[in-house]
Amino acid sequence: MRAVLSISLPEKLAKELDAFAKETGRNKSDIVRESLSLYLWEVRMKRLKKQLRP
């Protein structure tokens, strides 16, 4: 199942996203989805590293 999420972006970030989407031939939803997934993975890894430190 998919959830639809509407977000607002600062104008500069929205323009960067538009330009990147055109440059790479990808749609904005895919870029945001991948970016969020990578961000969440990074946060989880940082938490895990903190827990493993003595």
N, C-alpha and C. Protein backbone atom coordinates (compact mmCIF):
# COMPACT_ATOMS: atom_id res chain seq x y z
N MET A 1 0.84 -1.18 0.00
CA MET A 1 0.00 0.00 0.00
C MET A 1 0.89 1.25 0.00
N ARG A 2 0.46 2.27 -0.65
CA ARG A 2 1.20 3.53 -0.72
C ARG A 2 0.43 4.61 0.01
N ALA A 3 1.17 5.54 0.57
CA ALA A 3 0.56 6.71 1.20
C ALA A 3 0.98 7.93 0.39
N VAL A 4 0.07 8.85 0.22
CA VAL A 4 0.36 10.09 -0.49
C VAL A 4 0.70 11.14 0.55
N LEU A 5 1.79 11.84 0.31
CA LEU A 5 2.25 12.85 1.24
C LEU A 5 2.49 14.14 0.47
N SER A 6 1.92 15.22 0.95
CA SER A 6 2.17 16.53 0.33
C SER A 6 3.12 17.29 1.23
N ILE A 7 4.13 17.87 0.63
CA ILE A 7 5.08 18.65 1.41
C ILE A 7 5.27 20.01 0.74
N SER A 8 5.71 20.96 1.53
CA SER A 8 6.08 22.25 0.95
C SER A 8 7.58 22.41 1.13
N LEU A 9 8.21 22.94 0.10
CA LEU A 9 9.65 23.13 0.11
C LEU A 9 9.97 24.61 -0.05
N PRO A 10 11.07 25.04 0.53
CA PRO A 10 11.51 26.41 0.23
C PRO A 10 11.75 26.52 -1.28
N GLU A 11 11.54 27.68 -1.81
CA GLU A 11 11.61 27.87 -3.26
C GLU A 11 12.95 27.41 -3.84
N LYS A 12 14.04 27.72 -3.17
CA LYS A 12 15.37 27.34 -3.67
C LYS A 12 15.50 25.83 -3.77
N LEU A 13 15.05 25.12 -2.74
CA LEU A 13 15.14 23.66 -2.74
C LEU A 13 14.24 23.06 -3.81
N ALA A 14 13.06 23.64 -4.00
CA ALA A 14 12.14 23.16 -5.04
C ALA A 14 12.76 23.33 -6.42
N LYS A 15 13.44 24.46 -6.64
CA LYS A 15 14.08 24.69 -7.93
C LYS A 15 15.23 23.70 -8.14
N GLU A 16 15.99 23.42 -7.08
CA GLU A 16 17.08 22.45 -7.18
C GLU A 16 16.53 21.06 -7.50
N LEU A 17 15.43 20.70 -6.86
CA LEU A 17 14.81 19.40 -7.13
C LEU A 17 14.32 19.33 -8.56
N ASP A 18 13.66 20.37 -9.04
CA ASP A 18 13.20 20.41 -10.44
C ASP A 18 14.37 20.25 -11.41
N ALA A 19 15.44 21.00 -11.16
CA ALA A 19 16.60 20.95 -12.05
C ALA A 19 17.23 19.56 -12.03
N PHE A 20 17.36 18.98 -10.84
CA PHE A 20 17.96 17.66 -10.73
C PHE A 20 17.10 16.61 -11.43
N ALA A 21 15.79 16.71 -11.28
CA ALA A 21 14.88 15.77 -11.93
C ALA A 21 15.02 15.85 -13.45
N LYS A 22 15.07 17.06 -13.99
CA LYS A 22 15.23 17.23 -15.44
C LYS A 22 16.58 16.71 -15.90
N GLU A 23 17.62 17.02 -15.12
CA GLU A 23 18.99 16.63 -15.45
C GLU A 23 19.15 15.11 -15.50
N THR A 24 18.48 14.42 -14.59
CA THR A 24 18.64 12.97 -14.48
C THR A 24 17.53 12.19 -15.18
N GLY A 25 16.50 12.87 -15.63
CA GLY A 25 15.38 12.20 -16.30
C GLY A 25 14.52 11.39 -15.34
N ARG A 26 14.58 11.72 -14.07
CA ARG A 26 13.78 11.01 -13.06
C ARG A 26 12.66 11.92 -12.59
N ASN A 27 11.62 11.33 -11.99
CA ASN A 27 10.56 12.19 -11.46
C ASN A 27 10.89 12.58 -10.01
N LYS A 28 10.30 13.67 -9.60
CA LYS A 28 10.60 14.24 -8.29
C LYS A 28 10.22 13.30 -7.15
N SER A 29 9.13 12.58 -7.30
CA SER A 29 8.72 11.65 -6.25
C SER A 29 9.77 10.57 -6.01
N ASP A 30 10.33 10.04 -7.09
CA ASP A 30 11.37 9.02 -6.95
C ASP A 30 12.60 9.57 -6.23
N ILE A 31 12.98 10.78 -6.58
CA ILE A 31 14.15 11.40 -5.97
C ILE A 31 13.91 11.63 -4.48
N VAL A 32 12.76 12.15 -4.13
CA VAL A 32 12.44 12.42 -2.72
C VAL A 32 12.34 11.10 -1.96
N ARG A 33 11.72 10.10 -2.54
CA ARG A 33 11.58 8.78 -1.90
C ARG A 33 12.96 8.18 -1.61
N GLU A 34 13.83 8.21 -2.60
CA GLU A 34 15.18 7.67 -2.42
C GLU A 34 15.97 8.48 -1.39
N SER A 35 15.84 9.79 -1.45
CA SER A 35 16.56 10.66 -0.51
C SER A 35 16.11 10.41 0.92
N LEU A 36 14.83 10.28 1.14
CA LEU A 36 14.30 10.02 2.47
C LEU A 36 14.75 8.66 2.98
N SER A 37 14.73 7.68 2.10
CA SER A 37 15.18 6.35 2.48
C SER A 37 16.65 6.36 2.91
N LEU A 38 17.49 7.03 2.14
CA LEU A 38 18.91 7.14 2.49
C LEU A 38 19.12 7.91 3.80
N TYR A 39 18.35 8.97 3.99
CA TYR A 39 18.45 9.75 5.22
C TYR A 39 18.08 8.91 6.44
N LEU A 40 16.99 8.18 6.34
CA LEU A 40 16.55 7.35 7.47
C LEU A 40 17.56 6.25 7.76
N TRP A 41 18.15 5.66 6.71
CA TRP A 41 19.18 4.64 6.90
C TRP A 41 20.38 5.24 7.64
N GLU A 42 20.78 6.44 7.22
CA GLU A 42 21.91 7.11 7.86
C GLU A 42 21.65 7.40 9.33
N VAL A 43 20.45 7.86 9.65
CA VAL A 43 20.09 8.14 11.04
C VAL A 43 20.14 6.85 11.87
N ARG A 44 19.61 5.76 11.31
CA ARG A 44 19.64 4.48 12.02
C ARG A 44 21.07 4.02 12.27
N MET A 45 21.94 4.19 11.29
CA MET A 45 23.34 3.78 11.45
C MET A 45 24.05 4.61 12.51
N LYS A 46 23.76 5.90 12.55
CA LYS A 46 24.36 6.76 13.57
C LYS A 46 23.91 6.34 14.97
N ARG A 47 22.64 6.02 15.11
CA ARG A 47 22.12 5.55 16.40
C ARG A 47 22.79 4.25 16.82
N LEU A 48 22.92 3.35 15.87
CA LEU A 48 23.54 2.06 16.13
C LEU A 48 25.00 2.23 16.56
N LYS A 49 25.71 3.10 15.87
CA LYS A 49 27.12 3.36 16.24
C LYS A 49 27.22 3.91 17.66
N LYS A 50 26.30 4.80 18.02
CA LYS A 50 26.28 5.36 19.39
C LYS A 50 26.08 4.25 20.41
N GLN A 51 25.17 3.32 20.13
CA GLN A 51 24.87 2.24 21.04
C GLN A 51 26.05 1.29 21.19
N LEU A 52 26.83 1.13 20.13
CA LEU A 52 27.94 0.19 20.17
C LEU A 52 29.20 0.77 20.79
N ARG A 53 29.26 2.08 20.92
CA ARG A 53 30.43 2.70 21.54
C ARG A 53 30.44 2.40 23.04
N PRO A 54 31.64 2.11 23.56
CA PRO A 54 31.74 1.83 25.01
C PRO A 54 31.57 3.08 25.86
